[in-house]
Amino acid sequence: MTIHSKLRCQQGTILITTLVAMMIIGMALLTCLQLAKNQNQLVFRSQIWNACLPVAEAGLDDALNHCTWNYTNWVSNGWALSATNSYCRSNTVNAGWYLVHIATNSGGSNSVTITSTGYYPMPGSATYIPRTVQVKAFKVPTYKFAMMSKHEIDFNGNGCRVDSYDSRDATKSTGGFYDSAKAGDKADIATYVGSPLANYNIGNGNIWGHVYMGANGKVQVGSNGKVGGVAYQGSGPKGTIQPGWLRTDLNVSIPDVTVPFSGGIPPLPGIVGGKLYNAVFSDGIYQMSTLSGDAIVTGNALIYVTGTIDCDLLRIQTNATVRLYCGGSFKFRDTDNQTQRAVNFGIFGLPSCKTFSLDNEFMGAVYAPEASVTINGSRQIYGSVVADAVRLTGGADVHFDEALLDPKSSNGGFIITSWTEL
């Protein structure tokens, strides 16, 4: 009995040991299978996570396009007002889809906040993985006029010529440059001149475009002045305005500029092309209190100067762009826009910017609705000027680049200033 009991005990122990070993092996196999499954899911999730981002960015592109082309008609092209007073839209992109919102501050600001969520499905599942990005963008004004002021444009009795060209069109420019033989008549000027019934004297200026004024405004033209189209400039009598080219129904807003960003880095001095510059701006966002001396832009730069600008030279290299925001008065003794395109150089004066002057040839677009501008001497201005008041002290000519009319140009539409993943 004792021997049989020991045998049975040993057999039981072996059986239990075997069962335990099989359980351990089974649990190990299950663990390995689960780890493999988890690893497979993580790989798929990582792939789906990466696939979500292009879908979310497609929503951003959709929203920015809507902002650019429908800034005054938000509820259009499939966009609807949401319960949170933002404008929303959804759309499918391949196997995924996005939901995007545009917060416009009720249209009272030139900035928007766009939030886009991209969704992409897990393989073999009805579960969608979301990924959300948010950007802040500001509206860069398009330029409808060669010169526009809130109060007056003073030609000071001089024979200034205001005409247009198109740097994008070989029939309206030569190599993208202004050519007087191809000058056009899209160089409209506009001013409210303080009040209706004002009498506006453009002196001996030749305006190759319309004159826009407030209700019942009047214009006096000097004995050698003329307002009208290309043909009228050649054959029309001096001292006259072509019929229909004086408009007294001006009804546009000139909103103040807001600070589009904060926290930019200060520029560093450097040597470019063998020349030492006080400030070198490459790709990036910059912020400083003042800007003086010589400066150069070598990339796509956003610059915010909180105080005054008193620059001897601002050079913009070929293929570079600059949008310069100024909190104080600014003055450029010389500028060198080597891109030869006005759309690549934009200056924006904040409400605290009260005066600025252009003392040399200038190619760019100035938007400073609270500032008084003086264009000194016989200068050539290629681009556009928007200000509170404009005064020409000599025989300066203004050549409006029609490329500035395009909201998709470098100086139009909405520009992203921050990108954040939520």
Protein backbone atom coordinates (compact mmCIF):
# COMPACT_ATOMS: atom_id res chain seq x y z
CA MET A 1 0.00 0.00 0.00
CA THR A 2 2.78 2.34 0.87
CA ILE A 3 4.59 1.73 -2.41
CA HIS A 4 1.43 2.25 -4.48
CA SER A 5 0.62 5.42 -2.54
CA LYS A 6 4.06 6.83 -3.28
CA LEU A 7 3.69 5.99 -6.97
CA ARG A 8 0.29 7.65 -7.13
CA CYS A 9 1.71 10.68 -5.30
CA GLN A 10 4.61 10.92 -7.75
CA GLN A 11 2.28 10.54 -10.71
CA GLY A 12 0.04 13.30 -9.33
CA THR A 13 3.00 15.57 -8.87
CA ILE A 14 4.15 14.99 -12.43
CA LEU A 15 0.64 15.65 -13.72
CA ILE A 16 0.36 18.89 -11.75
CA THR A 17 3.83 19.95 -12.87
CA THR A 18 2.93 19.20 -16.47
CA LEU A 19 -0.32 21.11 -16.22
CA VAL A 20 1.42 24.10 -14.60
CA ALA A 21 4.12 24.04 -17.28
CA MET A 22 1.49 23.89 -20.02
CA MET A 23 -0.39 26.76 -18.39
CA ILE A 24 2.80 28.82 -18.25
CA ILE A 25 3.62 28.01 -21.83
CA GLY A 26 0.04 28.78 -22.85
CA MET A 27 0.07 32.08 -20.99
CA ALA A 28 3.41 32.93 -22.61
CA LEU A 29 1.99 32.12 -26.02
CA LEU A 30 -1.11 34.22 -25.31
CA THR A 31 1.09 37.05 -24.07
CA CYS A 32 3.23 36.86 -27.20
CA LEU A 33 0.13 36.84 -29.38
CA GLN A 34 -1.31 39.79 -27.47
CA LEU A 35 1.98 41.67 -27.72
CA ALA A 36 2.10 40.97 -31.44
CA LYS A 37 -1.49 42.14 -31.77
CA ASN A 38 -0.77 45.27 -29.74
CA GLN A 39 2.35 45.93 -31.78
CA ASN A 40 0.36 45.49 -34.96
CA GLN A 41 -2.31 47.88 -33.68
CA LEU A 42 0.32 50.40 -32.64
CA VAL A 43 1.87 50.25 -36.10
CA PHE A 44 -1.52 50.68 -37.72
CA ARG A 45 -2.44 53.46 -35.30
CA SER A 46 0.83 55.23 -36.03
CA GLN A 47 0.14 54.97 -39.73
CA ILE A 48 -3.42 56.19 -39.27
CA TRP A 49 -2.17 58.98 -36.98
CA ASN A 50 0.18 60.13 -39.72
CA ALA A 51 -2.61 59.83 -42.30
CA CYS A 52 -4.83 62.12 -40.19
CA LEU A 53 -2.52 65.11 -40.53
CA PRO A 54 -2.83 65.58 -44.32
CA VAL A 55 -6.61 65.31 -43.91
CA ALA A 56 -6.60 68.02 -41.21
CA GLU A 57 -4.32 70.19 -43.36
CA ALA A 58 -6.71 69.76 -46.28
CA GLY A 59 -9.33 71.32 -44.02
CA LEU A 60 -6.96 74.22 -43.32
CA ASP A 61 -6.39 74.77 -47.03
CA ASP A 62 -10.13 74.71 -47.63
CA ALA A 63 -10.68 77.29 -44.87
CA LEU A 64 -7.88 79.60 -46.02
CA ASN A 65 -9.19 79.50 -49.57
CA HIS A 66 -12.66 80.38 -48.27
CA CYS A 67 -11.24 83.23 -46.19
CA THR A 68 -9.41 84.66 -49.20
CA TRP A 69 -12.22 84.54 -51.72
CA ASN A 70 -15.34 84.89 -49.56
CA TYR A 71 -14.22 87.28 -46.82
CA THR A 72 -17.47 89.26 -47.12
CA ASN A 73 -19.73 86.27 -47.75
CA TRP A 74 -18.89 83.64 -45.15
CA VAL A 75 -22.06 81.58 -45.52
CA SER A 76 -21.43 80.27 -49.02
CA ASN A 77 -19.91 77.33 -50.88
CA GLY A 78 -21.06 74.80 -48.30
CA TRP A 79 -20.01 76.80 -45.22
CA ALA A 80 -22.58 77.30 -42.45
CA LEU A 81 -22.79 79.29 -39.23
CA SER A 82 -22.42 76.98 -36.23
CA ALA A 83 -23.90 77.22 -32.76
CA THR A 84 -20.58 78.66 -31.52
CA ASN A 85 -20.75 81.57 -34.03
CA SER A 86 -17.97 80.09 -36.12
CA TYR A 87 -18.24 79.01 -39.73
CA CYS A 88 -17.89 75.29 -40.32
CA ARG A 89 -17.68 72.78 -43.11
CA SER A 90 -16.88 69.08 -43.50
CA ASN A 91 -15.61 67.15 -46.49
CA THR A 92 -14.19 63.74 -47.36
CA VAL A 93 -10.59 63.16 -48.39
CA ASN A 94 -9.92 59.64 -49.68
CA ALA A 95 -10.96 57.28 -46.84
CA GLY A 96 -10.93 60.08 -44.25
CA TRP A 97 -12.83 63.28 -43.63
CA TYR A 98 -12.32 66.62 -41.88
CA LEU A 99 -14.37 69.09 -39.87
CA VAL A 100 -13.06 72.66 -39.91
CA HIS A 101 -14.20 75.81 -38.08
CA ILE A 102 -13.36 79.45 -38.82
CA ALA A 103 -13.67 81.87 -35.89
CA THR A 104 -13.86 85.41 -37.26
CA ASN A 105 -14.61 87.50 -34.14
CA SER A 106 -17.93 88.34 -35.83
CA GLY A 107 -16.02 89.90 -38.73
CA GLY A 108 -14.75 92.75 -36.55
CA SER A 109 -11.10 91.90 -36.98
CA ASN A 110 -8.71 91.19 -39.79
CA SER A 111 -7.60 87.97 -38.04
CA VAL A 112 -9.17 84.52 -37.95
CA THR A 113 -8.62 81.32 -35.98
CA ILE A 114 -9.03 78.09 -37.94
CA THR A 115 -9.45 74.74 -36.18
CA SER A 116 -9.40 71.62 -38.34
CA THR A 117 -9.83 68.02 -37.23
CA GLY A 118 -8.88 65.22 -39.60
CA TYR A 119 -10.43 61.76 -39.16
CA TYR A 120 -9.11 58.49 -40.57
CA PRO A 121 -10.49 54.95 -39.97
CA MET A 122 -8.67 52.07 -38.30
CA PRO A 123 -8.43 49.08 -40.70
CA GLY A 124 -11.36 46.71 -40.38
CA SER A 125 -13.05 48.93 -37.82
CA ALA A 126 -15.68 51.64 -37.67
CA THR A 127 -13.44 53.60 -35.29
CA TYR A 128 -11.99 56.89 -36.64
CA ILE A 129 -8.81 58.35 -35.20
CA PRO A 130 -8.95 62.19 -34.89
CA ARG A 131 -6.13 64.71 -35.07
CA THR A 132 -6.69 68.44 -34.58
CA VAL A 133 -4.58 71.41 -35.62
CA GLN A 134 -5.26 75.10 -35.10
CA VAL A 135 -3.79 78.07 -36.92
CA LYS A 136 -4.10 81.81 -36.53
CA ALA A 137 -4.06 83.88 -39.70
CA PHE A 138 -4.39 87.55 -40.54
CA LYS A 139 -5.73 89.26 -43.63
CA VAL A 140 -3.28 91.23 -45.65
CA PRO A 141 -5.21 93.95 -47.46
CA THR A 142 -5.39 93.93 -51.21
CA TYR A 143 -4.78 97.24 -52.88
CA LYS A 144 -7.55 98.58 -55.11
CA PHE A 145 -6.06 102.01 -55.66
CA ALA A 146 -2.75 103.52 -56.66
CA MET A 147 -3.25 106.00 -53.81
CA MET A 148 -5.97 106.13 -51.21
CA SER A 149 -6.41 108.44 -48.25
CA LYS A 150 -8.97 109.13 -45.60
CA HIS A 151 -8.66 112.89 -45.95
CA GLU A 152 -6.66 114.22 -48.87
CA ILE A 153 -4.10 113.64 -51.58
CA ASP A 154 -2.22 116.90 -52.11
CA PHE A 155 -0.49 117.13 -55.49
CA ASN A 156 0.86 120.52 -54.43
CA GLY A 157 0.20 121.89 -57.92
CA ASN A 158 2.80 119.59 -59.46
CA GLY A 159 2.59 117.66 -62.71
CA CYS A 160 2.63 114.22 -61.13
CA ARG A 161 1.79 111.21 -63.26
CA VAL A 162 -0.20 108.34 -61.80
CA ASP A 163 -0.58 105.32 -64.08
CA SER A 164 -0.47 101.52 -63.95
CA TYR A 165 1.41 98.49 -65.21
CA ASP A 166 1.18 94.74 -64.57
CA SER A 167 4.37 92.95 -63.61
CA ARG A 168 2.71 89.60 -64.50
CA ASP A 169 1.84 90.55 -68.08
CA ALA A 170 4.39 91.04 -70.87
CA THR A 171 1.95 93.27 -72.75
CA LYS A 172 1.71 95.62 -69.78
CA SER A 173 5.34 95.58 -68.65
CA THR A 174 8.79 94.76 -69.96
CA GLY A 175 10.41 91.89 -68.13
CA GLY A 176 8.04 92.62 -65.26
CA PHE A 177 9.27 96.21 -65.04
CA TYR A 178 7.27 99.38 -65.58
CA ASP A 179 7.41 100.62 -69.18
CA SER A 180 5.87 104.02 -69.92
CA ALA A 181 5.11 102.90 -73.48
CA LYS A 182 2.84 100.17 -72.05
CA ALA A 183 1.27 102.23 -69.26
CA GLY A 184 -2.32 101.39 -68.34
CA ASP A 185 -5.26 103.23 -66.80
CA LYS A 186 -5.97 101.11 -63.69
CA ALA A 187 -4.29 103.67 -61.42
CA ASP A 188 -7.41 104.85 -59.59
CA ILE A 189 -7.05 107.27 -56.69
CA ALA A 190 -9.52 107.64 -53.83
CA THR A 191 -10.12 110.09 -51.02
CA TYR A 192 -13.01 111.20 -48.85
CA VAL A 193 -11.44 114.68 -48.53
CA GLY A 194 -12.88 115.10 -45.06
CA SER A 195 -16.52 115.69 -45.95
CA PRO A 196 -19.04 115.62 -48.79
CA LEU A 197 -19.21 118.62 -51.14
CA ALA A 198 -15.44 119.06 -50.81
CA ASN A 199 -13.55 120.61 -53.70
CA TYR A 200 -10.53 118.45 -54.55
CA ASN A 201 -7.69 120.03 -56.54
CA ILE A 202 -5.32 117.63 -58.27
CA GLY A 203 -3.42 120.48 -59.86
CA ASN A 204 -1.49 119.55 -63.00
CA GLY A 205 -1.45 115.86 -62.19
CA ASN A 206 -2.22 113.31 -64.89
CA ILE A 207 -4.33 110.51 -63.46
CA TRP A 208 -4.50 107.44 -65.69
CA GLY A 209 -7.52 106.09 -63.90
CA HIS A 210 -10.65 107.06 -62.02
CA VAL A 211 -10.94 109.56 -59.21
CA TYR A 212 -13.15 108.25 -56.40
CA MET A 213 -14.62 110.55 -53.75
CA GLY A 214 -17.36 110.69 -51.17
CA ALA A 215 -20.89 111.76 -52.00
CA ASN A 216 -21.13 114.97 -54.08
CA GLY A 217 -17.38 115.49 -54.11
CA LYS A 218 -15.90 117.84 -56.73
CA VAL A 219 -12.54 117.97 -58.48
CA GLN A 220 -10.54 120.84 -59.94
CA VAL A 221 -7.92 120.12 -62.56
CA GLY A 222 -5.04 122.46 -63.43
CA SER A 223 -4.48 123.77 -66.94
CA ASN A 224 -2.07 120.94 -67.73
CA GLY A 225 -3.81 118.21 -65.71
CA LYS A 226 -5.98 115.41 -67.01
CA VAL A 227 -8.03 112.48 -65.67
CA GLY A 228 -9.07 109.54 -67.83
CA GLY A 229 -8.19 106.38 -69.74
CA VAL A 230 -5.29 105.60 -72.03
CA ALA A 231 -6.93 106.99 -75.16
CA TYR A 232 -8.12 110.12 -73.35
CA GLN A 233 -4.63 110.79 -72.04
CA GLY A 234 -3.48 110.95 -75.65
CA SER A 235 -6.33 112.85 -77.29
CA GLY A 236 -8.42 114.45 -74.57
CA PRO A 237 -8.09 118.18 -73.87
CA LYS A 238 -5.88 119.28 -71.02
CA GLY A 239 -7.45 120.52 -67.81
CA THR A 240 -10.41 118.12 -68.13
CA ILE A 241 -11.82 114.90 -66.74
CA GLN A 242 -13.05 112.18 -69.06
CA PRO A 243 -16.82 111.77 -68.64
CA GLY A 244 -17.60 108.97 -66.19
CA TRP A 245 -14.11 108.88 -64.70
CA LEU A 246 -15.03 110.95 -61.66
CA ARG A 247 -16.95 108.78 -59.20
CA THR A 248 -18.59 110.27 -56.10
CA ASP A 249 -19.92 107.02 -54.66
CA LEU A 250 -16.85 105.90 -52.73
CA ASN A 251 -17.95 103.43 -50.05
CA VAL A 252 -15.05 101.41 -48.73
CA SER A 253 -13.59 100.81 -45.30
CA ILE A 254 -9.98 101.36 -44.30
CA PRO A 255 -9.59 99.18 -41.20
CA ASP A 256 -6.70 99.73 -38.84
CA VAL A 257 -3.83 97.28 -38.77
CA THR A 258 -3.63 94.89 -35.84
CA VAL A 259 -0.49 93.19 -34.53
CA PRO A 260 -0.50 89.82 -36.28
CA PHE A 261 1.92 88.03 -33.95
CA SER A 262 4.08 88.37 -30.87
CA GLY A 263 7.19 86.73 -29.52
CA GLY A 264 9.37 87.03 -32.60
CA ILE A 265 13.13 86.85 -32.29
CA PRO A 266 15.44 89.85 -32.71
CA PRO A 267 17.59 89.91 -35.87
CA LEU A 268 21.35 89.60 -35.78
CA PRO A 269 23.93 91.67 -37.64
CA GLY A 270 25.82 89.93 -40.41
CA ILE A 271 27.83 90.17 -43.60
CA VAL A 272 25.96 89.42 -46.83
CA GLY A 273 27.65 89.80 -50.20
CA GLY A 274 30.67 91.39 -48.53
CA LYS A 275 28.60 94.14 -46.86
CA LEU A 276 27.98 94.45 -43.12
CA TYR A 277 24.31 94.94 -42.19
CA ASN A 278 22.94 96.00 -38.84
CA ALA A 279 20.13 93.45 -39.23
CA VAL A 280 19.79 90.33 -41.39
CA PHE A 281 16.30 88.85 -41.81
CA SER A 282 15.99 85.33 -43.19
CA ASP A 283 12.97 82.99 -43.04
CA GLY A 284 11.14 83.62 -39.77
CA ILE A 285 9.24 85.96 -37.49
CA TYR A 286 11.11 88.88 -35.94
CA GLN A 287 10.31 91.49 -33.31
CA MET A 288 12.35 94.45 -32.12
CA SER A 289 11.87 97.90 -30.60
CA THR A 290 13.59 99.96 -33.34
CA LEU A 291 15.20 99.45 -36.71
CA SER A 292 18.00 101.66 -38.01
CA GLY A 293 21.08 101.66 -40.19
CA ASP A 294 21.29 99.16 -43.04
CA ALA A 295 19.18 95.99 -43.13
CA ILE A 296 18.72 93.14 -45.58
CA VAL A 297 16.02 90.51 -46.13
CA THR A 298 17.29 87.19 -47.49
CA GLY A 299 14.19 85.01 -47.01
CA ASN A 300 10.48 85.19 -46.25
CA ALA A 301 10.30 87.42 -43.19
CA LEU A 302 7.56 88.79 -40.95
CA ILE A 303 8.91 91.75 -39.00
CA TYR A 304 7.28 93.71 -36.18
CA VAL A 305 9.02 96.91 -35.05
CA THR A 306 7.21 98.21 -31.98
CA GLY A 307 8.80 101.67 -32.18
CA THR A 308 10.26 103.83 -34.93
CA ILE A 309 12.08 102.88 -38.11
CA ASP A 310 14.83 105.19 -39.33
CA CYS A 311 16.60 103.15 -41.98
CA ASP A 312 19.42 104.23 -44.27
CA LEU A 313 18.89 101.20 -46.51
CA LEU A 314 16.51 98.25 -46.62
CA ARG A 315 17.53 95.70 -49.24
CA ILE A 316 15.30 92.79 -50.29
CA GLN A 317 17.14 90.04 -52.10
CA THR A 318 15.75 88.26 -55.15
CA ASN A 319 13.15 85.58 -54.20
CA ALA A 320 12.72 87.11 -50.73
CA THR A 321 9.54 88.65 -49.30
CA VAL A 322 8.96 90.92 -46.34
CA ARG A 323 5.93 92.14 -44.45
CA LEU A 324 6.99 94.87 -42.10
CA TYR A 325 4.73 96.09 -39.27
CA CYS A 326 5.59 99.38 -37.64
CA GLY A 327 4.27 100.69 -34.34
CA GLY A 328 5.85 104.13 -34.75
CA SER A 329 6.76 106.49 -37.55
CA PHE A 330 9.04 105.18 -40.26
CA LYS A 331 11.47 106.61 -42.76
CA PHE A 332 13.55 104.95 -45.47
CA ARG A 333 16.30 106.97 -47.07
CA ASP A 334 16.74 104.21 -49.60
CA THR A 335 15.19 100.84 -50.45
CA ASP A 336 16.43 98.21 -52.87
CA ASN A 337 13.73 95.73 -53.83
CA GLN A 338 15.77 93.32 -55.92
CA THR A 339 12.73 91.11 -56.55
CA GLN A 340 11.40 93.92 -58.79
CA ARG A 341 7.89 93.07 -57.60
CA ALA A 342 5.84 95.41 -55.42
CA VAL A 343 3.86 92.46 -54.00
CA ASN A 344 6.99 91.19 -52.26
CA PHE A 345 7.42 94.26 -50.04
CA GLY A 346 4.57 95.26 -47.76
CA ILE A 347 4.71 97.91 -45.02
CA PHE A 348 1.87 98.10 -42.49
CA GLY A 349 1.52 100.98 -40.05
CA LEU A 350 -0.32 100.32 -36.81
CA PRO A 351 -2.65 103.02 -35.39
CA SER A 352 0.30 104.44 -33.45
CA CYS A 353 2.15 105.03 -36.73
CA LYS A 354 1.36 108.68 -37.52
CA THR A 355 3.92 109.73 -40.16
CA PHE A 356 6.20 108.23 -42.74
CA SER A 357 8.19 109.51 -45.68
CA LEU A 358 9.61 108.04 -48.87
CA ASP A 359 12.76 109.90 -49.84
CA ASN A 360 13.95 107.76 -52.73
CA GLU A 361 12.68 105.37 -55.37
CA PHE A 362 10.34 102.87 -53.74
CA MET A 363 8.83 99.60 -54.95
CA GLY A 364 6.26 98.10 -52.60
CA ALA A 365 2.88 98.59 -50.98
CA VAL A 366 2.28 100.81 -47.95
CA TYR A 367 -0.83 100.44 -45.81
CA ALA A 368 -0.81 102.91 -42.89
CA PRO A 369 -4.36 104.27 -42.49
CA GLU A 370 -3.56 106.56 -39.53
CA ALA A 371 -0.38 108.09 -40.96
CA SER A 372 0.38 111.13 -43.06
CA VAL A 373 2.85 110.36 -45.83
CA THR A 374 5.18 112.73 -47.62
CA ILE A 375 6.63 111.71 -50.97
CA ASN A 376 9.61 113.99 -51.41
CA GLY A 377 11.06 115.28 -54.66
CA SER A 378 10.84 113.68 -58.09
CA ARG A 379 10.59 110.11 -56.92
CA GLN A 380 9.29 107.03 -58.71
CA ILE A 381 6.89 104.94 -56.65
CA TYR A 382 6.04 101.47 -57.99
CA GLY A 383 3.15 99.94 -56.08
CA SER A 384 0.48 101.52 -53.89
CA VAL A 385 0.07 103.86 -50.92
CA VAL A 386 -2.83 103.85 -48.45
CA ALA A 387 -2.68 106.49 -45.70
CA ASP A 388 -4.62 109.07 -43.75
CA ALA A 389 -3.24 111.83 -45.99
CA VAL A 390 -0.76 111.90 -48.88
CA ARG A 391 1.36 114.90 -49.87
CA LEU A 392 3.63 115.06 -52.90
CA THR A 393 6.25 117.78 -52.56
CA GLY A 394 7.72 117.48 -56.06
CA GLY A 395 7.10 115.87 -59.41
CA ALA A 396 6.85 112.34 -58.07
CA ASP A 397 5.21 109.68 -60.24
CA VAL A 398 3.22 106.73 -58.91
CA HIS A 399 3.00 103.57 -60.99
CA PHE A 400 0.40 101.14 -59.68
CA ASP A 401 1.25 97.46 -60.13
CA GLU A 402 -2.00 95.71 -61.04
CA ALA A 403 -0.65 92.49 -59.52
CA LEU A 404 -1.60 94.04 -56.18
CA LEU A 405 -5.26 93.62 -57.12
CA ASP A 406 -4.93 89.85 -56.91
CA PRO A 407 -5.88 88.55 -53.41
CA LYS A 408 -3.76 85.47 -54.05
CA SER A 409 -0.64 87.54 -54.64
CA SER A 410 2.17 87.64 -52.11
CA ASN A 411 0.59 90.67 -50.52
CA GLY A 412 -2.99 89.46 -50.39
CA GLY A 413 -5.18 86.84 -48.81
CA PHE A 414 -4.63 85.38 -45.36
CA ILE A 415 -1.21 84.65 -43.93
CA ILE A 416 -0.66 82.01 -41.21
CA THR A 417 1.22 83.33 -38.16
CA SER A 418 0.95 80.34 -35.80
CA TRP A 419 0.38 76.58 -36.07
CA THR A 420 -0.52 74.46 -33.05
CA GLU A 421 -1.60 70.85 -32.65
CA LEU A 422 -4.31 70.48 -30.04
